[in-house]
Amino acid sequence: MNIPVGPQEADDYERLRSELVRAVSRICPPWLASRADDLVQVALLRVLEIRRKSEANAQISTSYLRKTAYSALIDEIRRCRRRGEVSLETEEGGIDPAAETSSPRPDPEEVSAGQEVGRAIRECLAQIVRPRRLAVALHLQGHSVPEIGKLMSWAPKKADNLVYRGLADLRECLVLKGVKP
């Protein structure tokens, strides 16, 4: 089925969106079900961007919509893993009690060691020059280099250099403090 992406009417848009909803629902794992609508929106934006670039002359096939939905899903999974996100909700939408008790609590020594490392990182970050400090802080929060460039209005190469050099400064400072990265 080819969906016209020319001068769009409301029913064409709804058909496009319903195809994307079906594609996402087929491939979305249960642990990401709460983000299915977001995935549909991301995929829809990608398709509409293609339509805009092709000046509304493109025919969008169902297989292309499935590939776009799959790509949006993969990007979301990578983002979740990079940021270490874990959903506490079950497939039914309630809180999963096993998620709260599945990992053993760390012992006090581990907590203390983690606090010391955190303190050392904060002290080292305070010593780094401001642009590098900002780039490293965003990197440590899970932002990719292109995201950092966009957030800070820097050229991609500048963002890459600031993150790379800032991380090198951070490592050097941590080694001087006796903390091995």
C-alpha atoms as a PDB file:
ATOM      1  CA  MET A   1       0.000   0.000   0.000  1.00  0.00           C
ATOM      2  CA  ASN A   2       1.400   3.370  -0.985  1.00  0.00           C
ATOM      3  CA  ILE A   3       0.231   6.345   0.975  1.00  0.00           C
ATOM      4  CA  PRO A   4       0.271   9.583  -0.968  1.00  0.00           C
ATOM      5  CA  VAL A   5       2.202  12.328   0.709  1.00  0.00           C
ATOM      6  CA  GLY A   6       1.241  15.046  -1.688  1.00  0.00           C
ATOM      7  CA  PRO A   7      -1.200  17.753  -0.699  1.00  0.00           C
ATOM      8  CA  GLN A   8      -2.387  16.032   2.432  1.00  0.00           C
ATOM      9  CA  GLU A   9      -5.936  15.783   3.607  1.00  0.00           C
ATOM     10  CA  ALA A  10      -6.952  14.793   7.110  1.00  0.00           C
ATOM     11  CA  ASP A  11      -7.769  11.217   6.093  1.00  0.00           C
ATOM     12  CA  ASP A  12      -4.346  10.782   4.412  1.00  0.00           C
ATOM     13  CA  TYR A  13      -2.658  11.950   7.590  1.00  0.00           C
ATOM     14  CA  GLU A  14      -4.777   9.569   9.674  1.00  0.00           C
ATOM     15  CA  ARG A  15      -3.935   6.646   7.384  1.00  0.00           C
ATOM     16  CA  LEU A  16      -0.241   7.489   7.624  1.00  0.00           C
ATOM     17  CA  ARG A  17      -0.450   7.710  11.406  1.00  0.00           C
ATOM     18  CA  SER A  18      -2.483   4.499  11.732  1.00  0.00           C
ATOM     19  CA  GLU A  19       0.101   2.609   9.647  1.00  0.00           C
ATOM     20  CA  LEU A  20       2.838   3.887  11.933  1.00  0.00           C
ATOM     21  CA  VAL A  21       0.832   2.925  15.033  1.00  0.00           C
ATOM     22  CA  ARG A  22       0.488  -0.609  13.658  1.00  0.00           C
ATOM     23  CA  ALA A  23       4.172  -0.804  12.774  1.00  0.00           C
ATOM     24  CA  VAL A  24       5.258   0.393  16.227  1.00  0.00           C
ATOM     25  CA  SER A  25       2.841  -1.910  18.043  1.00  0.00           C
ATOM     26  CA  ARG A  26       4.260  -4.908  16.164  1.00  0.00           C
ATOM     27  CA  ILE A  27       7.889  -4.233  17.035  1.00  0.00           C
ATOM     28  CA  CYS A  28       7.769  -2.398  20.364  1.00  0.00           C
ATOM     29  CA  PRO A  29       8.981  -4.533  23.300  1.00  0.00           C
ATOM     30  CA  PRO A  30       6.737  -4.612  26.384  1.00  0.00           C
ATOM     31  CA  TRP A  31       9.206  -2.655  28.499  1.00  0.00           C
ATOM     32  CA  LEU A  32       8.904   0.288  26.070  1.00  0.00           C
ATOM     33  CA  ALA A  33       5.127   0.098  25.637  1.00  0.00           C
ATOM     34  CA  SER A  34       4.667   3.283  27.653  1.00  0.00           C
ATOM     35  CA  ARG A  35       6.655   5.153  24.979  1.00  0.00           C
ATOM     36  CA  ALA A  36       4.827   3.749  21.956  1.00  0.00           C
ATOM     37  CA  ASP A  37       3.023   7.030  21.251  1.00  0.00           C
ATOM     38  CA  ASP A  38       6.323   8.895  21.409  1.00  0.00           C
ATOM     39  CA  LEU A  39       7.851   6.444  18.953  1.00  0.00           C
ATOM     40  CA  VAL A  40       4.933   6.958  16.571  1.00  0.00           C
ATOM     41  CA  GLN A  41       5.418  10.727  16.790  1.00  0.00           C
ATOM     42  CA  VAL A  42       9.163  10.471  16.120  1.00  0.00           C
ATOM     43  CA  ALA A  43       8.563   8.211  13.124  1.00  0.00           C
ATOM     44  CA  LEU A  44       5.805  10.502  11.857  1.00  0.00           C
ATOM     45  CA  LEU A  45       8.114  13.516  12.083  1.00  0.00           C
ATOM     46  CA  ARG A  46      10.763  11.658  10.096  1.00  0.00           C
ATOM     47  CA  VAL A  47       8.261  10.754   7.382  1.00  0.00           C
ATOM     48  CA  LEU A  48       6.915  14.312   7.207  1.00  0.00           C
ATOM     49  CA  GLU A  49      10.478  15.644   6.974  1.00  0.00           C
ATOM     50  CA  ILE A  50      11.089  13.375   3.974  1.00  0.00           C
ATOM     51  CA  ARG A  51       7.844  14.671   2.461  1.00  0.00           C
ATOM     52  CA  ARG A  52       8.954  18.264   3.005  1.00  0.00           C
ATOM     53  CA  LYS A  53      12.382  17.640   1.467  1.00  0.00           C
ATOM     54  CA  SER A  54      10.890  15.958  -1.585  1.00  0.00           C
ATOM     55  CA  GLU A  55       8.471  18.872  -2.016  1.00  0.00           C
ATOM     56  CA  ALA A  56       5.422  16.648  -1.394  1.00  0.00           C
ATOM     57  CA  ASN A  57       6.014  14.481  -4.483  1.00  0.00           C
ATOM     58  CA  ALA A  58       6.994  11.287  -2.671  1.00  0.00           C
ATOM     59  CA  GLN A  59       5.015   8.086  -2.381  1.00  0.00           C
ATOM     60  CA  ILE A  60       5.591   6.492   1.020  1.00  0.00           C
ATOM     61  CA  SER A  61       5.309   2.708   1.060  1.00  0.00           C
ATOM     62  CA  THR A  62       4.225   0.601   4.016  1.00  0.00           C
ATOM     63  CA  SER A  63       7.637  -1.048   4.137  1.00  0.00           C
ATOM     64  CA  TYR A  64       9.258   2.395   4.397  1.00  0.00           C
ATOM     65  CA  LEU A  65       6.938   3.224   7.305  1.00  0.00           C
ATOM     66  CA  ARG A  66       7.912  -0.017   9.036  1.00  0.00           C
ATOM     67  CA  LYS A  67      11.606   0.735   8.543  1.00  0.00           C
ATOM     68  CA  THR A  68      11.110   4.249   9.913  1.00  0.00           C
ATOM     69  CA  ALA A  69       9.274   2.891  12.979  1.00  0.00           C
ATOM     70  CA  TYR A  70      12.011   0.310  13.499  1.00  0.00           C
ATOM     71  CA  SER A  71      14.697   2.985  13.241  1.00  0.00           C
ATOM     72  CA  ALA A  72      12.887   5.168  15.798  1.00  0.00           C
ATOM     73  CA  LEU A  73      12.616   2.172  18.146  1.00  0.00           C
ATOM     74  CA  ILE A  74      16.316   1.343  17.843  1.00  0.00           C
ATOM     75  CA  ASP A  75      17.240   4.972  18.535  1.00  0.00           C
ATOM     76  CA  GLU A  76      15.042   4.960  21.658  1.00  0.00           C
ATOM     77  CA  ILE A  77      16.540   1.695  22.926  1.00  0.00           C
ATOM     78  CA  ARG A  78      20.054   3.091  22.453  1.00  0.00           C
ATOM     79  CA  ARG A  79      19.065   6.289  24.251  1.00  0.00           C
ATOM     80  CA  CYS A  80      17.638   4.293  27.179  1.00  0.00           C
ATOM     81  CA  ARG A  81      20.731   2.132  27.464  1.00  0.00           C
ATOM     82  CA  ARG A  82      23.094   5.095  27.186  1.00  0.00           C
ATOM     83  CA  ARG A  83      21.279   6.913  29.965  1.00  0.00           C
ATOM     84  CA  GLY A  84      20.771   3.785  32.058  1.00  0.00           C
ATOM     85  CA  GLU A  85      17.001   4.172  32.207  1.00  0.00           C
ATOM     86  CA  VAL A  86      14.978   1.364  33.762  1.00  0.00           C
ATOM     87  CA  SER A  87      11.203   1.370  33.747  1.00  0.00           C
ATOM     88  CA  LEU A  88       9.477   0.567  37.035  1.00  0.00           C
ATOM     89  CA  GLU A  89       6.164  -0.082  35.314  1.00  0.00           C
ATOM     90  CA  THR A  90       4.937  -3.494  34.250  1.00  0.00           C
ATOM     91  CA  GLU A  91       3.193  -4.252  30.984  1.00  0.00           C
ATOM     92  CA  GLU A  92      -0.177  -3.673  32.690  1.00  0.00           C
ATOM     93  CA  GLY A  93       0.930  -0.189  33.716  1.00  0.00           C
ATOM     94  CA  GLY A  94       1.363  -0.750  37.454  1.00  0.00           C
ATOM     95  CA  ILE A  95       4.503  -0.570  39.494  1.00  0.00           C
ATOM     96  CA  ASP A  96       6.544  -3.747  39.397  1.00  0.00           C
ATOM     97  CA  PRO A  97       7.330  -4.713  42.981  1.00  0.00           C
ATOM     98  CA  ALA A  98      10.091  -7.035  41.782  1.00  0.00           C
ATOM     99  CA  ALA A  99      11.892  -4.057  40.237  1.00  0.00           C
ATOM    100  CA  GLU A 100      12.199  -2.433  43.647  1.00  0.00           C
ATOM    101  CA  THR A 101      13.664  -5.506  45.368  1.00  0.00           C
ATOM    102  CA  SER A 102      15.416  -7.252  42.482  1.00  0.00           C
ATOM    103  CA  SER A 103      18.799  -5.658  43.115  1.00  0.00           C
ATOM    104  CA  PRO A 104      20.413  -6.063  46.504  1.00  0.00           C
ATOM    105  CA  ARG A 105      21.177  -2.924  48.436  1.00  0.00           C
ATOM    106  CA  PRO A 106      24.845  -1.921  48.331  1.00  0.00           C
ATOM    107  CA  ASP A 107      26.779  -2.225  51.538  1.00  0.00           C
ATOM    108  CA  PRO A 108      27.823   0.956  53.367  1.00  0.00           C
ATOM    109  CA  GLU A 109      31.423   0.684  52.168  1.00  0.00           C
ATOM    110  CA  GLU A 110      30.302   0.730  48.529  1.00  0.00           C
ATOM    111  CA  VAL A 111      28.056   3.707  49.219  1.00  0.00           C
ATOM    112  CA  SER A 112      30.914   5.570  50.916  1.00  0.00           C
ATOM    113  CA  ALA A 113      33.334   4.756  48.094  1.00  0.00           C
ATOM    114  CA  GLY A 114      30.801   5.934  45.535  1.00  0.00           C
ATOM    115  CA  GLN A 115      30.317   9.201  47.412  1.00  0.00           C
ATOM    116  CA  GLU A 116      34.086   9.752  47.503  1.00  0.00           C
ATOM    117  CA  VAL A 117      34.376   9.168  43.766  1.00  0.00           C
ATOM    118  CA  GLY A 118      31.455  11.544  43.158  1.00  0.00           C
ATOM    119  CA  ARG A 119      33.083  14.195  45.324  1.00  0.00           C
ATOM    120  CA  ALA A 120      36.386  13.780  43.456  1.00  0.00           C
ATOM    121  CA  ILE A 121      34.626  14.100  40.093  1.00  0.00           C
ATOM    122  CA  ARG A 122      32.843  17.292  41.203  1.00  0.00           C
ATOM    123  CA  GLU A 123      36.120  18.772  42.479  1.00  0.00           C
ATOM    124  CA  CYS A 124      37.907  17.904  39.237  1.00  0.00           C
ATOM    125  CA  LEU A 125      35.075  19.302  37.129  1.00  0.00           C
ATOM    126  CA  ALA A 126      35.311  22.582  39.043  1.00  0.00           C
ATOM    127  CA  GLN A 127      38.971  22.874  37.984  1.00  0.00           C
ATOM    128  CA  ILE A 128      38.334  22.357  34.257  1.00  0.00           C
ATOM    129  CA  VAL A 129      37.892  25.454  32.058  1.00  0.00           C
ATOM    130  CA  ARG A 130      34.227  26.375  31.599  1.00  0.00           C
ATOM    131  CA  PRO A 131      33.546  25.214  27.995  1.00  0.00           C
ATOM    132  CA  ARG A 132      35.163  21.841  28.618  1.00  0.00           C
ATOM    133  CA  ARG A 133      33.400  21.532  31.969  1.00  0.00           C
ATOM    134  CA  LEU A 134      30.016  22.155  30.321  1.00  0.00           C
ATOM    135  CA  ALA A 135      30.739  19.661  27.548  1.00  0.00           C
ATOM    136  CA  VAL A 136      31.901  16.968  29.997  1.00  0.00           C
ATOM    137  CA  ALA A 137      28.964  17.563  32.355  1.00  0.00           C
ATOM    138  CA  LEU A 138      26.495  17.106  29.495  1.00  0.00           C
ATOM    139  CA  HIS A 139      28.402  14.036  28.320  1.00  0.00           C
ATOM    140  CA  LEU A 140      28.275  12.519  31.801  1.00  0.00           C
ATOM    141  CA  GLN A 141      24.521  13.147  31.872  1.00  0.00           C
ATOM    142  CA  GLY A 142      24.192  10.919  28.812  1.00  0.00           C
ATOM    143  CA  HIS A 143      24.022  13.410  25.958  1.00  0.00           C
ATOM    144  CA  SER A 144      25.725  12.477  22.713  1.00  0.00           C
ATOM    145  CA  VAL A 145      28.305  14.776  21.142  1.00  0.00           C
ATOM    146  CA  PRO A 146      25.872  15.977  18.430  1.00  0.00           C
ATOM    147  CA  GLU A 147      23.261  16.710  21.125  1.00  0.00           C
ATOM    148  CA  ILE A 148      25.858  18.681  23.110  1.00  0.00           C
ATOM    149  CA  GLY A 149      26.717  20.690  20.015  1.00  0.00           C
ATOM    150  CA  LYS A 150      23.074  21.542  19.429  1.00  0.00           C
ATOM    151  CA  LEU A 151      22.386  22.364  23.082  1.00  0.00           C
ATOM    152  CA  MET A 152      25.382  24.675  23.333  1.00  0.00           C
ATOM    153  CA  SER A 153      25.152  26.058  19.760  1.00  0.00           C
ATOM    154  CA  TRP A 154      28.620  24.770  18.963  1.00  0.00           C
ATOM    155  CA  ALA A 155      29.889  23.321  15.717  1.00  0.00           C
ATOM    156  CA  PRO A 156      30.012  19.495  15.839  1.00  0.00           C
ATOM    157  CA  LYS A 157      33.815  19.452  15.685  1.00  0.00           C
ATOM    158  CA  LYS A 158      34.092  21.988  18.519  1.00  0.00           C
ATOM    159  CA  ALA A 159      31.738  19.927  20.697  1.00  0.00           C
ATOM    160  CA  ASP A 160      33.719  16.785  19.920  1.00  0.00           C
ATOM    161  CA  ASN A 161      37.029  18.458  20.800  1.00  0.00           C
ATOM    162  CA  LEU A 162      35.679  19.960  24.028  1.00  0.00           C
ATOM    163  CA  VAL A 163      34.281  16.624  25.197  1.00  0.00           C
ATOM    164  CA  TYR A 164      37.461  14.752  24.275  1.00  0.00           C
ATOM    165  CA  ARG A 165      39.807  17.264  25.903  1.00  0.00           C
ATOM    166  CA  GLY A 166      37.541  17.775  28.895  1.00  0.00           C
ATOM    167  CA  LEU A 167      37.418  14.025  29.567  1.00  0.00           C
ATOM    168  CA  ALA A 168      41.216  13.880  29.280  1.00  0.00           C
ATOM    169  CA  ASP A 169      41.475  16.716  31.833  1.00  0.00           C
ATOM    170  CA  LEU A 170      39.028  14.923  34.115  1.00  0.00           C
ATOM    171  CA  ARG A 171      40.950  11.635  33.907  1.00  0.00           C
ATOM    172  CA  GLU A 172      44.251  13.376  34.631  1.00  0.00           C
ATOM    173  CA  CYS A 173      42.824  15.150  37.666  1.00  0.00           C
ATOM    174  CA  LEU A 174      41.238  11.957  38.995  1.00  0.00           C
ATOM    175  CA  VAL A 175      44.521  10.059  38.655  1.00  0.00           C
ATOM    176  CA  LEU A 176      46.287  12.833  40.625  1.00  0.00           C
ATOM    177  CA  LYS A 177      43.660  12.400  43.357  1.00  0.00           C
ATOM    178  CA  GLY A 178      44.224   8.646  43.391  1.00  0.00           C
ATOM    179  CA  VAL A 179      40.898   7.765  41.775  1.00  0.00           C
ATOM    180  CA  LYS A 180      41.235   5.400  38.855  1.00  0.00           C
ATOM    181  CA  PRO A 181      38.651   6.061  36.125  1.00  0.00           C
END
